[in-house]
């Protein structure tokens, strides 16, 4: 399948479990120890209440969620809190579609810039999306320093 067979939609009620599965599979595909990735995900909040505080979009193929992103409005800057794609869909345009969809949504809502902390394994992807390094971010529990990246959202 290709990205053009993918639709982007709002999350379904109770879909947090599936979104968590996607995040675990995506993070583990970068070579992190699976048990540690599961612990990381268990500390995350994929509850309907938490997801309801964010703007979430789900990529779906054949009635199955295969990726998702979440956005947090912060005034003129919107924060990309999550962008996860099932490993077998990586490289097929799903992440690009989710990223662009989220950026357009933020822009329509009045955002001037889109920012996020980029996992070191994802920097190349974000650079292809037109992002640039803005500043150093926090350090992960895996000892990696995250880069805060961003794109300007022109009117």
N, C-alpha and C. Protein backbone atom coordinates (compact mmCIF):
# COMPACT_ATOMS: atom_id res chain seq x y z
N UNK A 1 0.83 -1.20 0.00
CA UNK A 1 0.00 0.00 0.00
C UNK A 1 0.86 1.25 0.00
N UNK A 2 0.27 2.33 -0.44
CA UNK A 2 0.96 3.61 -0.50
C UNK A 2 0.17 4.63 0.30
N UNK A 3 0.81 5.77 0.54
CA UNK A 3 0.19 6.82 1.33
C UNK A 3 -1.11 7.33 0.72
N UNK A 4 -1.24 7.26 -0.61
CA UNK A 4 -2.49 7.77 -1.19
C UNK A 4 -3.70 6.91 -0.82
N UNK A 5 -3.46 5.68 -0.36
CA UNK A 5 -4.56 4.83 0.10
C UNK A 5 -4.87 5.09 1.58
N UNK A 6 -4.19 6.06 2.15
CA UNK A 6 -4.33 6.38 3.57
C UNK A 6 -5.25 7.59 3.72
N UNK A 7 -6.12 7.54 4.71
CA UNK A 7 -6.94 8.69 5.05
C UNK A 7 -6.50 9.21 6.41
N UNK A 8 -6.75 10.48 6.64
CA UNK A 8 -6.43 11.10 7.93
C UNK A 8 -7.74 11.54 8.55
N UNK A 9 -7.90 11.18 9.81
CA UNK A 9 -9.16 11.42 10.51
C UNK A 9 -8.89 11.73 11.97
N UNK A 10 -9.95 12.11 12.67
CA UNK A 10 -9.88 12.30 14.11
C UNK A 10 -9.83 10.93 14.79
N UNK A 11 -9.29 10.86 15.99
CA UNK A 11 -9.24 9.56 16.67
C UNK A 11 -10.64 9.09 17.08
N UNK A 12 -10.82 7.80 17.10
CA UNK A 12 -12.07 7.21 17.57
C UNK A 12 -12.03 7.12 19.10
N UNK A 13 -13.19 7.13 19.73
CA UNK A 13 -13.21 6.97 21.19
C UNK A 13 -12.52 5.65 21.58
N UNK A 14 -11.71 5.71 22.61
CA UNK A 14 -11.04 4.51 23.09
C UNK A 14 -9.88 4.03 22.24
N UNK A 15 -9.42 4.85 21.29
CA UNK A 15 -8.36 4.43 20.38
C UNK A 15 -6.96 4.60 20.98
N UNK A 16 -6.87 5.12 22.19
CA UNK A 16 -5.57 5.36 22.81
C UNK A 16 -4.69 4.12 22.90
N UNK A 17 -5.29 2.96 23.12
CA UNK A 17 -4.51 1.72 23.20
C UNK A 17 -3.81 1.46 21.87
N UNK A 18 -4.51 1.63 20.77
CA UNK A 18 -3.91 1.41 19.45
C UNK A 18 -2.83 2.45 19.17
N UNK A 19 -3.06 3.70 19.56
CA UNK A 19 -2.06 4.74 19.34
C UNK A 19 -0.80 4.45 20.14
N UNK A 20 -0.97 3.95 21.34
CA UNK A 20 0.18 3.56 22.17
C UNK A 20 0.95 2.43 21.50
N UNK A 21 0.26 1.45 20.94
CA UNK A 21 0.93 0.34 20.24
C UNK A 21 1.78 0.85 19.08
N UNK A 22 1.24 1.82 18.35
CA UNK A 22 1.98 2.39 17.22
C UNK A 22 3.24 3.10 17.73
N UNK A 23 3.10 3.88 18.79
CA UNK A 23 4.26 4.60 19.35
C UNK A 23 5.33 3.62 19.81
N UNK A 24 4.93 2.54 20.46
CA UNK A 24 5.89 1.53 20.94
C UNK A 24 6.62 0.89 19.75
N UNK A 25 5.87 0.47 18.75
CA UNK A 25 6.49 -0.17 17.59
C UNK A 25 7.44 0.78 16.88
N UNK A 26 7.05 2.04 16.74
CA UNK A 26 7.88 3.01 16.04
C UNK A 26 9.17 3.28 16.81
N UNK A 27 9.06 3.50 18.11
CA UNK A 27 10.26 3.80 18.91
C UNK A 27 11.18 2.58 18.98
N UNK A 28 10.61 1.40 19.14
CA UNK A 28 11.42 0.17 19.21
C UNK A 28 12.14 -0.09 17.89
N UNK A 29 11.58 0.37 16.77
CA UNK A 29 12.21 0.12 15.48
C UNK A 29 13.53 0.87 15.33
N UNK A 30 13.79 1.84 16.20
CA UNK A 30 15.04 2.59 16.18
C UNK A 30 16.13 1.89 16.99
N UNK A 31 15.85 0.70 17.47
CA UNK A 31 16.87 -0.06 18.18
C UNK A 31 16.86 0.08 19.69
N UNK A 32 15.88 0.77 20.22
CA UNK A 32 15.76 0.86 21.67
C UNK A 32 15.28 -0.48 22.22
N UNK A 33 15.70 -0.80 23.42
CA UNK A 33 15.29 -2.05 24.07
C UNK A 33 13.77 -2.04 24.29
N UNK A 34 13.10 -3.09 23.81
CA UNK A 34 11.64 -3.12 23.82
C UNK A 34 11.06 -2.97 25.23
N UNK A 35 11.65 -3.63 26.23
CA UNK A 35 11.11 -3.49 27.59
C UNK A 35 11.18 -2.04 28.07
N UNK A 36 12.28 -1.37 27.74
CA UNK A 36 12.41 0.04 28.15
C UNK A 36 11.43 0.92 27.39
N UNK A 37 11.20 0.60 26.13
CA UNK A 37 10.21 1.36 25.35
C UNK A 37 8.82 1.18 25.94
N UNK A 38 8.50 -0.04 26.33
CA UNK A 38 7.18 -0.27 26.95
C UNK A 38 7.05 0.49 28.27
N UNK A 39 8.12 0.52 29.07
CA UNK A 39 8.09 1.30 30.33
C UNK A 39 7.87 2.78 30.02
N UNK A 40 8.58 3.29 29.00
CA UNK A 40 8.41 4.68 28.58
C UNK A 40 6.95 4.94 28.20
N UNK A 41 6.38 4.05 27.41
CA UNK A 41 4.99 4.22 26.96
C UNK A 41 4.01 4.12 28.12
N UNK A 42 4.31 3.26 29.08
CA UNK A 42 3.42 3.13 30.23
C UNK A 42 3.39 4.40 31.07
N UNK A 43 4.48 5.16 31.04
CA UNK A 43 4.50 6.44 31.77
C UNK A 43 3.77 7.53 30.99
N UNK A 44 3.60 7.30 29.69
CA UNK A 44 2.87 8.26 28.86
C UNK A 44 1.38 8.15 29.16
N UNK A 45 0.66 9.10 28.70
CA UNK A 45 -0.77 9.10 28.96
C UNK A 45 -1.51 9.05 27.62
N UNK A 46 -2.07 7.88 27.35
CA UNK A 46 -2.82 7.67 26.12
C UNK A 46 -4.32 7.57 26.42
N UNK A 47 -4.70 8.12 27.56
CA UNK A 47 -6.11 8.06 27.97
C UNK A 47 -6.94 9.01 27.12
N UNK A 48 -8.25 8.72 27.03
CA UNK A 48 -9.13 9.64 26.30
C UNK A 48 -9.07 11.06 26.85
N UNK A 49 -8.89 11.19 28.17
CA UNK A 49 -8.83 12.52 28.78
C UNK A 49 -7.60 13.29 28.29
N UNK A 50 -6.44 12.64 28.31
CA UNK A 50 -5.21 13.30 27.87
C UNK A 50 -5.24 13.57 26.38
N UNK A 51 -5.63 12.59 25.60
CA UNK A 51 -5.69 12.80 24.15
C UNK A 51 -6.70 13.89 23.81
N UNK A 52 -7.74 14.02 24.62
CA UNK A 52 -8.74 15.06 24.41
C UNK A 52 -8.19 16.46 24.63
N UNK A 53 -7.07 16.58 25.35
CA UNK A 53 -6.44 17.89 25.58
C UNK A 53 -5.59 18.31 24.38
N UNK A 54 -5.31 17.38 23.50
CA UNK A 54 -4.48 17.63 22.34
C UNK A 54 -5.34 17.57 21.08
N UNK A 55 -4.82 18.09 19.99
CA UNK A 55 -5.44 17.91 18.70
C UNK A 55 -4.76 16.71 18.07
N UNK A 56 -5.50 15.64 17.86
CA UNK A 56 -4.93 14.38 17.39
C UNK A 56 -5.49 14.04 16.01
N UNK A 57 -4.60 13.58 15.14
CA UNK A 57 -4.99 13.09 13.83
C UNK A 57 -4.42 11.70 13.65
N UNK A 58 -5.23 10.82 13.07
CA UNK A 58 -4.85 9.43 12.87
C UNK A 58 -4.80 9.13 11.38
N UNK A 59 -3.73 8.47 10.97
CA UNK A 59 -3.62 7.97 9.59
C UNK A 59 -4.16 6.55 9.59
N UNK A 60 -5.03 6.27 8.65
CA UNK A 60 -5.71 4.97 8.60
C UNK A 60 -5.58 4.38 7.20
N UNK A 61 -5.35 3.09 7.17
CA UNK A 61 -5.34 2.34 5.90
C UNK A 61 -6.14 1.07 6.12
N UNK A 62 -7.10 0.83 5.27
CA UNK A 62 -7.90 -0.37 5.41
C UNK A 62 -8.58 -0.51 6.75
N UNK A 63 -9.09 0.60 7.26
CA UNK A 63 -9.80 0.65 8.54
C UNK A 63 -8.91 0.32 9.72
N UNK A 64 -7.59 0.47 9.58
CA UNK A 64 -6.64 0.22 10.66
C UNK A 64 -5.76 1.45 10.84
N UNK A 65 -5.65 1.93 12.08
CA UNK A 65 -4.76 3.05 12.37
C UNK A 65 -3.32 2.60 12.15
N UNK A 66 -2.56 3.40 11.38
CA UNK A 66 -1.17 3.05 11.07
C UNK A 66 -0.19 4.15 11.48
N UNK A 67 -0.71 5.28 11.92
CA UNK A 67 0.13 6.38 12.35
C UNK A 67 -0.72 7.44 12.99
N UNK A 68 -0.06 8.37 13.68
CA UNK A 68 -0.82 9.45 14.31
C UNK A 68 0.11 10.58 14.71
N UNK A 69 -0.50 11.74 14.88
CA UNK A 69 0.23 12.88 15.40
C UNK A 69 -0.67 13.62 16.38
N UNK A 70 -0.04 14.35 17.29
CA UNK A 70 -0.81 15.18 18.21
C UNK A 70 -0.17 16.55 18.29
N UNK A 71 -1.01 17.56 18.44
CA UNK A 71 -0.59 18.95 18.45
C UNK A 71 -1.09 19.62 19.71
N UNK A 72 -0.29 20.56 20.19
CA UNK A 72 -0.67 21.33 21.37
C UNK A 72 -0.53 22.81 21.04
N UNK A 73 -1.65 23.56 21.09
CA UNK A 73 -1.56 24.99 20.80
C UNK A 73 -0.84 25.72 21.94
N UNK A 74 0.09 26.58 21.57
CA UNK A 74 0.83 27.41 22.53
C UNK A 74 0.89 28.83 21.99
N UNK A 75 -0.26 29.42 21.76
CA UNK A 75 -0.31 30.77 21.19
C UNK A 75 0.03 30.74 19.72
N UNK A 76 0.99 31.58 19.31
CA UNK A 76 1.38 31.64 17.90
C UNK A 76 2.28 30.48 17.50
N UNK A 77 2.75 29.73 18.48
CA UNK A 77 3.56 28.54 18.21
C UNK A 77 2.74 27.32 18.60
N UNK A 78 2.61 26.41 17.68
CA UNK A 78 1.95 25.14 18.01
C UNK A 78 3.03 24.09 18.13
N UNK A 79 2.86 23.20 19.10
CA UNK A 79 3.84 22.18 19.43
C UNK A 79 3.39 20.83 18.87
N UNK A 80 4.27 20.20 18.11
CA UNK A 80 4.02 18.84 17.62
C UNK A 80 4.45 17.90 18.74
N UNK A 81 3.48 17.40 19.48
CA UNK A 81 3.79 16.57 20.66
C UNK A 81 4.15 15.14 20.27
N UNK A 82 3.53 14.62 19.23
CA UNK A 82 3.75 13.24 18.79
C UNK A 82 3.65 13.16 17.28
N UNK A 83 4.44 12.27 16.71
CA UNK A 83 4.27 11.86 15.31
C UNK A 83 4.86 10.46 15.23
N UNK A 84 4.01 9.47 15.09
CA UNK A 84 4.42 8.06 15.10
C UNK A 84 3.81 7.34 13.91
N UNK A 85 4.59 6.50 13.27
CA UNK A 85 4.12 5.71 12.14
C UNK A 85 4.58 4.27 12.33
N UNK A 86 3.67 3.32 12.08
CA UNK A 86 4.05 1.90 12.17
C UNK A 86 5.26 1.65 11.29
N UNK A 87 6.24 0.89 11.77
CA UNK A 87 7.47 0.68 11.02
C UNK A 87 7.27 0.22 9.57
N UNK A 88 6.31 -0.65 9.32
CA UNK A 88 6.13 -1.14 7.94
C UNK A 88 5.59 -0.06 7.00
N UNK A 89 5.13 1.06 7.55
CA UNK A 89 4.64 2.17 6.73
C UNK A 89 5.66 3.30 6.60
N UNK A 90 6.77 3.21 7.31
CA UNK A 90 7.81 4.25 7.22
C UNK A 90 8.38 4.25 5.80
N UNK A 91 8.59 5.44 5.27
CA UNK A 91 9.12 5.58 3.92
C UNK A 91 8.08 5.55 2.83
N UNK A 92 6.81 5.49 3.21
CA UNK A 92 5.73 5.42 2.22
C UNK A 92 4.89 6.70 2.19
N UNK A 93 5.37 7.75 2.84
CA UNK A 93 4.69 9.03 2.79
C UNK A 93 3.67 9.29 3.88
N UNK A 94 3.48 8.35 4.78
CA UNK A 94 2.47 8.52 5.83
C UNK A 94 2.89 9.62 6.81
N UNK A 95 4.14 9.56 7.26
CA UNK A 95 4.63 10.58 8.18
C UNK A 95 4.58 11.97 7.57
N UNK A 96 4.95 12.07 6.30
CA UNK A 96 4.90 13.36 5.60
C UNK A 96 3.48 13.90 5.54
N UNK A 97 2.55 13.03 5.24
CA UNK A 97 1.14 13.47 5.17
C UNK A 97 0.64 13.93 6.53
N UNK A 98 0.97 13.17 7.58
CA UNK A 98 0.55 13.57 8.93
C UNK A 98 1.18 14.91 9.32
N UNK A 99 2.47 15.05 9.05
CA UNK A 99 3.17 16.29 9.40
C UNK A 99 2.53 17.48 8.68
N UNK A 100 2.35 17.37 7.39
CA UNK A 100 1.78 18.48 6.62
C UNK A 100 0.35 18.78 7.03
N UNK A 101 -0.41 17.73 7.31
CA UNK A 101 -1.79 17.91 7.75
C UNK A 101 -1.82 18.68 9.07
N UNK A 102 -0.98 18.26 10.01
CA UNK A 102 -0.91 18.96 11.30
C UNK A 102 -0.46 20.40 11.15
N UNK A 103 0.56 20.64 10.32
CA UNK A 103 1.05 22.00 10.11
C UNK A 103 -0.03 22.89 9.50
N UNK A 104 -0.76 22.37 8.52
CA UNK A 104 -1.86 23.15 7.91
C UNK A 104 -2.94 23.45 8.93
N UNK A 105 -3.27 22.46 9.76
CA UNK A 105 -4.28 22.68 10.80
C UNK A 105 -3.83 23.80 11.74
N UNK A 106 -2.58 23.73 12.19
CA UNK A 106 -2.05 24.75 13.11
C UNK A 106 -2.07 26.12 12.45
N UNK A 107 -1.68 26.19 11.19
CA UNK A 107 -1.66 27.46 10.47
C UNK A 107 -3.07 28.04 10.36
N UNK A 108 -4.04 27.20 10.00
CA UNK A 108 -5.43 27.68 9.90
C UNK A 108 -5.95 28.18 11.25
N UNK A 109 -5.40 27.63 12.34
CA UNK A 109 -5.81 28.04 13.68
C UNK A 109 -5.05 29.28 14.17
N UNK A 110 -4.17 29.81 13.32
CA UNK A 110 -3.48 31.04 13.67
C UNK A 110 -2.02 30.90 14.07
N UNK A 111 -1.47 29.71 14.01
CA UNK A 111 -0.07 29.52 14.37
C UNK A 111 0.84 30.17 13.34
N UNK A 112 1.91 30.76 13.83
CA UNK A 112 2.94 31.34 12.96
C UNK A 112 4.12 30.39 12.81
N UNK A 113 4.29 29.50 13.80
CA UNK A 113 5.40 28.56 13.76
C UNK A 113 4.96 27.23 14.38
N UNK A 114 5.58 26.17 13.90
CA UNK A 114 5.35 24.81 14.36
C UNK A 114 6.69 24.36 14.96
N UNK A 115 6.70 23.86 16.21
CA UNK A 115 7.92 23.42 16.86
C UNK A 115 7.72 22.06 17.52
N UNK A 116 8.85 21.39 17.81
CA UNK A 116 8.81 20.09 18.49
C UNK A 116 10.21 19.70 18.90
N UNK A 117 10.30 18.75 19.81
CA UNK A 117 11.57 18.12 20.17
C UNK A 117 11.72 16.90 19.28
N UNK A 118 12.83 16.85 18.55
CA UNK A 118 13.05 15.77 17.59
C UNK A 118 13.96 14.70 18.17
N UNK A 119 13.49 13.48 18.13
CA UNK A 119 14.29 12.30 18.45
C UNK A 119 15.44 12.29 17.46
N UNK A 120 16.68 12.00 17.89
CA UNK A 120 17.81 12.02 16.95
C UNK A 120 17.58 11.20 15.68
N UNK A 121 16.89 10.08 15.77
CA UNK A 121 16.63 9.25 14.60
C UNK A 121 15.68 9.89 13.60
N UNK A 122 14.97 10.93 14.01
CA UNK A 122 13.97 11.53 13.13
C UNK A 122 14.41 12.85 12.50
N UNK A 123 15.60 13.33 12.82
CA UNK A 123 16.02 14.65 12.34
C UNK A 123 16.04 14.72 10.81
N UNK A 124 16.55 13.71 10.15
CA UNK A 124 16.59 13.71 8.68
C UNK A 124 15.20 13.86 8.08
N UNK A 125 14.24 13.16 8.65
CA UNK A 125 12.85 13.27 8.18
C UNK A 125 12.37 14.71 8.31
N UNK A 126 12.57 15.30 9.48
CA UNK A 126 12.08 16.65 9.70
C UNK A 126 12.80 17.67 8.82
N UNK A 127 14.08 17.46 8.56
CA UNK A 127 14.78 18.36 7.64
C UNK A 127 14.17 18.28 6.25
N UNK A 128 13.76 17.09 5.83
CA UNK A 128 13.09 16.94 4.54
C UNK A 128 11.73 17.64 4.52
N UNK A 129 11.15 17.83 5.70
CA UNK A 129 9.88 18.55 5.80
C UNK A 129 10.10 20.06 5.84
N UNK A 130 11.36 20.49 5.74
CA UNK A 130 11.67 21.92 5.73
C UNK A 130 12.02 22.50 7.08
N UNK A 131 12.16 21.66 8.10
CA UNK A 131 12.44 22.14 9.45
C UNK A 131 13.92 22.49 9.60
N UNK A 132 14.17 23.35 10.58
CA UNK A 132 15.54 23.68 10.93
C UNK A 132 15.71 23.59 12.43
N UNK A 133 16.95 23.39 12.85
CA UNK A 133 17.28 23.32 14.27
C UNK A 133 17.11 24.72 14.87
N UNK A 134 16.37 24.83 15.98
CA UNK A 134 16.16 26.11 16.64
C UNK A 134 17.02 26.25 17.89
N UNK A 135 17.10 25.17 18.68
CA UNK A 135 17.85 25.21 19.94
C UNK A 135 17.94 23.79 20.48
N UNK A 136 18.78 23.61 21.48
CA UNK A 136 18.86 22.32 22.15
C UNK A 136 17.66 22.18 23.08
N UNK A 137 17.14 20.98 23.16
CA UNK A 137 16.01 20.70 24.04
C UNK A 137 16.47 19.87 25.22
N UNK A 138 15.57 19.07 25.74
CA UNK A 138 15.86 18.25 26.91
C UNK A 138 16.63 17.00 26.57
N UNK A 139 17.00 16.30 27.61
CA UNK A 139 17.71 15.03 27.44
C UNK A 139 16.73 13.90 27.75
N UNK A 140 16.81 12.83 26.96
CA UNK A 140 15.93 11.69 27.15
C UNK A 140 16.47 10.76 28.21
N UNK A 141 15.63 9.84 28.63
CA UNK A 141 16.07 8.83 29.59
C UNK A 141 17.10 7.89 28.98
N UNK A 142 17.27 7.97 27.66
CA UNK A 142 18.27 7.15 26.97
C UNK A 142 19.59 7.91 26.82
N UNK A 143 19.65 9.11 27.43
CA UNK A 143 20.88 9.89 27.39
C UNK A 143 21.10 10.67 26.12
N UNK A 144 20.10 10.82 25.33
CA UNK A 144 20.22 11.58 24.08
C UNK A 144 19.66 12.99 24.28
N UNK A 145 20.34 13.96 23.72
CA UNK A 145 19.85 15.33 23.75
C UNK A 145 18.94 15.54 22.55
N UNK A 146 17.79 16.09 22.81
CA UNK A 146 16.82 16.33 21.74
C UNK A 146 17.05 17.72 21.15
N UNK A 147 16.84 17.84 19.89
CA UNK A 147 16.89 19.15 19.21
C UNK A 147 15.48 19.67 19.11
N UNK A 148 15.31 20.95 19.42
CA UNK A 148 14.03 21.59 19.14
C UNK A 148 14.12 22.10 17.72
N UNK A 149 13.20 21.61 16.90
CA UNK A 149 13.16 21.98 15.49
C UNK A 149 11.88 22.76 15.23
N UNK A 150 11.84 23.43 14.09
CA UNK A 150 10.65 24.17 13.77
C UNK A 150 10.57 24.55 12.30
N UNK A 151 9.37 24.92 11.93
CA UNK A 151 9.11 25.48 10.60
C UNK A 151 8.23 26.71 10.78
N UNK A 152 8.49 27.69 9.94
CA UNK A 152 7.64 28.89 9.91
C UNK A 152 6.41 28.55 9.08
N UNK A 153 5.27 29.01 9.53
CA UNK A 153 4.01 28.77 8.83
C UNK A 153 3.57 30.08 8.19
N UNK A 154 3.88 30.24 6.93
CA UNK A 154 3.56 31.48 6.22
C UNK A 154 2.06 31.57 5.96
N UNK A 155 1.56 32.77 6.03
CA UNK A 155 0.15 33.02 5.81
C UNK A 155 -0.23 32.95 4.41
